[in-house]
Amino acid sequence: MRKRTKEIIEYLQKHVDYLNDYRVRVSARLLLESELDIGEIAMQSGFNNISYYNKRFRQYMHQTPSEYRRKLHKNTE
């Protein structure tokens, strides 16, 4: 029974990881294409908690949303 529970948890975690990756990539596009505030971008990307959003963004993009936006705007000037 424990092995089955572990398999279910791993299966669900893969889906959560996929969903978070997708949401971060959507938010990265919004950071580039809009002037929305980062909290609004987090909400529009499906994150209900700004702290969790920042943590996941850093996990996948290796920088904060603010750093990402700043670098993008600096490179496009």
N, C-alpha and C. Protein backbone atom coordinates (compact mmCIF):
# COMPACT_ATOMS: atom_id res chain seq x y z
N MET A 1 0.83 -1.20 0.00
CA MET A 1 0.00 0.00 0.00
C MET A 1 0.87 1.26 0.00
N ARG A 2 1.94 1.28 0.76
CA ARG A 2 2.81 2.46 0.81
C ARG A 2 3.48 2.73 -0.53
N LYS A 3 3.86 1.66 -1.22
CA LYS A 3 4.47 1.84 -2.53
C LYS A 3 3.49 2.50 -3.49
N ARG A 4 2.25 2.07 -3.46
CA ARG A 4 1.23 2.66 -4.33
C ARG A 4 0.99 4.13 -3.98
N THR A 5 0.96 4.44 -2.71
CA THR A 5 0.79 5.83 -2.28
C THR A 5 1.96 6.68 -2.77
N LYS A 6 3.16 6.15 -2.65
CA LYS A 6 4.35 6.88 -3.12
C LYS A 6 4.27 7.12 -4.63
N GLU A 7 3.83 6.12 -5.38
CA GLU A 7 3.69 6.27 -6.83
C GLU A 7 2.66 7.33 -7.18
N ILE A 8 1.57 7.37 -6.45
CA ILE A 8 0.53 8.38 -6.69
C ILE A 8 1.06 9.77 -6.40
N ILE A 9 1.78 9.91 -5.30
CA ILE A 9 2.35 11.21 -4.94
C ILE A 9 3.34 11.67 -6.00
N GLU A 10 4.20 10.78 -6.46
CA GLU A 10 5.17 11.13 -7.51
C GLU A 10 4.46 11.52 -8.80
N TYR A 11 3.42 10.81 -9.14
CA TYR A 11 2.63 11.11 -10.34
C TYR A 11 2.02 12.51 -10.24
N LEU A 12 1.41 12.80 -9.11
CA LEU A 12 0.79 14.11 -8.91
C LEU A 12 1.84 15.22 -8.89
N GLN A 13 3.00 14.96 -8.30
CA GLN A 13 4.06 15.97 -8.23
C GLN A 13 4.55 16.32 -9.63
N LYS A 14 4.66 15.34 -10.50
CA LYS A 14 5.08 15.62 -11.88
C LYS A 14 4.08 16.56 -12.55
N HIS A 15 2.82 16.36 -12.29
CA HIS A 15 1.80 17.22 -12.89
C HIS A 15 1.85 18.63 -12.31
N VAL A 16 2.06 18.74 -11.02
CA VAL A 16 2.20 20.04 -10.37
C VAL A 16 3.42 20.77 -10.93
N ASP A 17 4.52 20.05 -11.08
CA ASP A 17 5.74 20.65 -11.65
C ASP A 17 5.49 21.15 -13.07
N TYR A 18 4.82 20.33 -13.87
CA TYR A 18 4.50 20.73 -15.24
C TYR A 18 3.64 21.98 -15.25
N LEU A 19 2.61 22.00 -14.42
CA LEU A 19 1.71 23.15 -14.36
C LEU A 19 2.45 24.41 -13.90
N ASN A 20 3.28 24.29 -12.89
CA ASN A 20 4.04 25.45 -12.42
C ASN A 20 5.00 25.94 -13.50
N ASP A 21 5.66 25.03 -14.20
CA ASP A 21 6.56 25.42 -15.28
C ASP A 21 5.79 26.19 -16.35
N TYR A 22 4.63 25.69 -16.72
CA TYR A 22 3.80 26.36 -17.72
C TYR A 22 3.39 27.76 -17.24
N ARG A 23 2.94 27.85 -16.00
CA ARG A 23 2.51 29.14 -15.46
C ARG A 23 3.66 30.14 -15.40
N VAL A 24 4.84 29.68 -15.03
CA VAL A 24 6.01 30.57 -14.99
C VAL A 24 6.34 31.06 -16.39
N ARG A 25 6.26 30.19 -17.37
CA ARG A 25 6.57 30.61 -18.75
C ARG A 25 5.52 31.60 -19.28
N VAL A 26 4.27 31.42 -18.92
CA VAL A 26 3.23 32.39 -19.28
C VAL A 26 3.55 33.72 -18.62
N SER A 27 3.92 33.70 -17.36
CA SER A 27 4.23 34.95 -16.65
C SER A 27 5.47 35.62 -17.24
N ALA A 28 6.44 34.83 -17.67
CA ALA A 28 7.65 35.41 -18.28
C ALA A 28 7.28 36.17 -19.55
N ARG A 29 6.37 35.62 -20.33
CA ARG A 29 5.91 36.31 -21.54
C ARG A 29 5.21 37.62 -21.17
N LEU A 30 4.38 37.58 -20.13
CA LEU A 30 3.69 38.80 -19.69
C LEU A 30 4.67 39.84 -19.17
N LEU A 31 5.72 39.38 -18.49
CA LEU A 31 6.74 40.33 -18.01
C LEU A 31 7.40 41.05 -19.18
N LEU A 32 7.56 40.37 -20.28
CA LEU A 32 8.17 40.96 -21.47
C LEU A 32 7.20 41.85 -22.23
N GLU A 33 5.97 41.38 -22.38
CA GLU A 33 5.02 42.04 -23.29
C GLU A 33 4.10 43.07 -22.64
N SER A 34 4.11 43.17 -21.31
CA SER A 34 3.18 44.09 -20.67
C SER A 34 3.90 44.92 -19.61
N GLU A 35 3.19 45.92 -19.16
CA GLU A 35 3.68 46.76 -18.06
C GLU A 35 2.91 46.47 -16.77
N LEU A 36 2.16 45.35 -16.76
CA LEU A 36 1.41 44.98 -15.56
C LEU A 36 2.35 44.82 -14.38
N ASP A 37 1.84 45.08 -13.21
CA ASP A 37 2.64 44.89 -12.01
C ASP A 37 2.81 43.38 -11.77
N ILE A 38 3.89 43.02 -11.12
CA ILE A 38 4.26 41.62 -10.97
C ILE A 38 3.19 40.82 -10.22
N GLY A 39 2.56 41.42 -9.24
CA GLY A 39 1.48 40.74 -8.53
C GLY A 39 0.31 40.41 -9.45
N GLU A 40 -0.02 41.34 -10.35
CA GLU A 40 -1.10 41.10 -11.31
C GLU A 40 -0.70 40.00 -12.29
N ILE A 41 0.54 40.01 -12.71
CA ILE A 41 1.02 38.96 -13.62
C ILE A 41 0.95 37.60 -12.93
N ALA A 42 1.33 37.55 -11.67
CA ALA A 42 1.25 36.30 -10.91
C ALA A 42 -0.18 35.78 -10.90
N MET A 43 -1.12 36.66 -10.61
CA MET A 43 -2.53 36.26 -10.56
C MET A 43 -3.03 35.81 -11.94
N GLN A 44 -2.68 36.55 -12.97
CA GLN A 44 -3.13 36.20 -14.32
C GLN A 44 -2.50 34.89 -14.80
N SER A 45 -1.37 34.52 -14.22
CA SER A 45 -0.69 33.28 -14.60
C SER A 45 -1.16 32.09 -13.79
N GLY A 46 -2.06 32.33 -12.84
CA GLY A 46 -2.63 31.23 -12.08
C GLY A 46 -2.06 31.04 -10.69
N PHE A 47 -1.21 31.95 -10.25
CA PHE A 47 -0.66 31.89 -8.90
C PHE A 47 -1.49 32.80 -8.01
N ASN A 48 -1.98 32.26 -6.91
CA ASN A 48 -2.80 33.05 -5.99
C ASN A 48 -2.00 33.65 -4.84
N ASN A 49 -0.73 33.31 -4.78
CA ASN A 49 0.13 33.77 -3.68
C ASN A 49 1.42 34.30 -4.29
N ILE A 50 1.71 35.58 -4.09
CA ILE A 50 2.88 36.21 -4.69
C ILE A 50 4.18 35.58 -4.19
N SER A 51 4.22 35.20 -2.93
CA SER A 51 5.42 34.58 -2.38
C SER A 51 5.70 33.24 -3.06
N TYR A 52 4.66 32.44 -3.24
CA TYR A 52 4.80 31.15 -3.92
C TYR A 52 5.21 31.36 -5.38
N TYR A 53 4.62 32.37 -6.01
CA TYR A 53 4.98 32.70 -7.39
C TYR A 53 6.46 33.05 -7.49
N ASN A 54 6.93 33.92 -6.62
CA ASN A 54 8.34 34.32 -6.66
C ASN A 54 9.25 33.11 -6.45
N LYS A 55 8.87 32.24 -5.55
CA LYS A 55 9.67 31.04 -5.27
C LYS A 55 9.74 30.13 -6.49
N ARG A 56 8.59 29.89 -7.12
CA ARG A 56 8.56 29.03 -8.31
C ARG A 56 9.26 29.69 -9.49
N PHE A 57 9.09 31.00 -9.65
CA PHE A 57 9.75 31.70 -10.75
C PHE A 57 11.26 31.56 -10.61
N ARG A 58 11.76 31.77 -9.41
CA ARG A 58 13.19 31.64 -9.18
C ARG A 58 13.66 30.20 -9.42
N GLN A 59 12.85 29.23 -9.04
CA GLN A 59 13.20 27.83 -9.24
C GLN A 59 13.39 27.51 -10.73
N TYR A 60 12.48 27.99 -11.55
CA TYR A 60 12.52 27.65 -12.97
C TYR A 60 13.39 28.59 -13.81
N MET A 61 13.46 29.86 -13.43
CA MET A 61 14.15 30.86 -14.25
C MET A 61 15.49 31.32 -13.64
N HIS A 62 15.78 30.88 -12.44
CA HIS A 62 17.05 31.19 -11.76
C HIS A 62 17.27 32.69 -11.52
N GLN A 63 16.18 33.40 -11.37
CA GLN A 63 16.19 34.82 -11.03
C GLN A 63 14.77 35.22 -10.64
N THR A 64 14.65 36.36 -10.00
CA THR A 64 13.33 36.81 -9.60
C THR A 64 12.59 37.41 -10.80
N PRO A 65 11.27 37.53 -10.71
CA PRO A 65 10.54 38.18 -11.80
C PRO A 65 11.04 39.61 -12.07
N SER A 66 11.37 40.34 -11.02
CA SER A 66 11.88 41.71 -11.19
C SER A 66 13.20 41.72 -11.93
N GLU A 67 14.10 40.82 -11.56
CA GLU A 67 15.39 40.73 -12.24
C GLU A 67 15.19 40.36 -13.71
N TYR A 68 14.31 39.42 -13.95
CA TYR A 68 14.02 38.97 -15.32
C TYR A 68 13.51 40.14 -16.16
N ARG A 69 12.55 40.87 -15.63
CA ARG A 69 11.98 42.00 -16.37
C ARG A 69 13.03 43.07 -16.61
N ARG A 70 13.81 43.38 -15.60
CA ARG A 70 14.84 44.41 -15.72
C ARG A 70 15.85 44.02 -16.80
N LYS A 71 16.29 42.77 -16.83
CA LYS A 71 17.25 42.31 -17.83
C LYS A 71 16.64 42.34 -19.23
N LEU A 72 15.38 41.96 -19.35
CA LEU A 72 14.73 41.97 -20.66
C LEU A 72 14.63 43.38 -21.20
N HIS A 73 14.22 44.31 -20.36
CA HIS A 73 14.06 45.69 -20.81
C HIS A 73 15.41 46.32 -21.11
N LYS A 74 16.44 45.94 -20.37
CA LYS A 74 17.79 46.47 -20.62
C LYS A 74 18.30 45.96 -21.97
N ASN A 75 18.02 44.70 -22.30
CA ASN A 75 18.49 44.11 -23.56
C ASN A 75 17.74 44.62 -24.77
N THR A 76 16.54 45.14 -24.59
CA THR A 76 15.75 45.62 -25.73
C THR A 76 15.96 47.10 -25.99
N GLU A 77 16.72 47.75 -25.16
CA GLU A 77 16.97 49.19 -25.38
C GLU A 77 18.08 49.41 -26.37
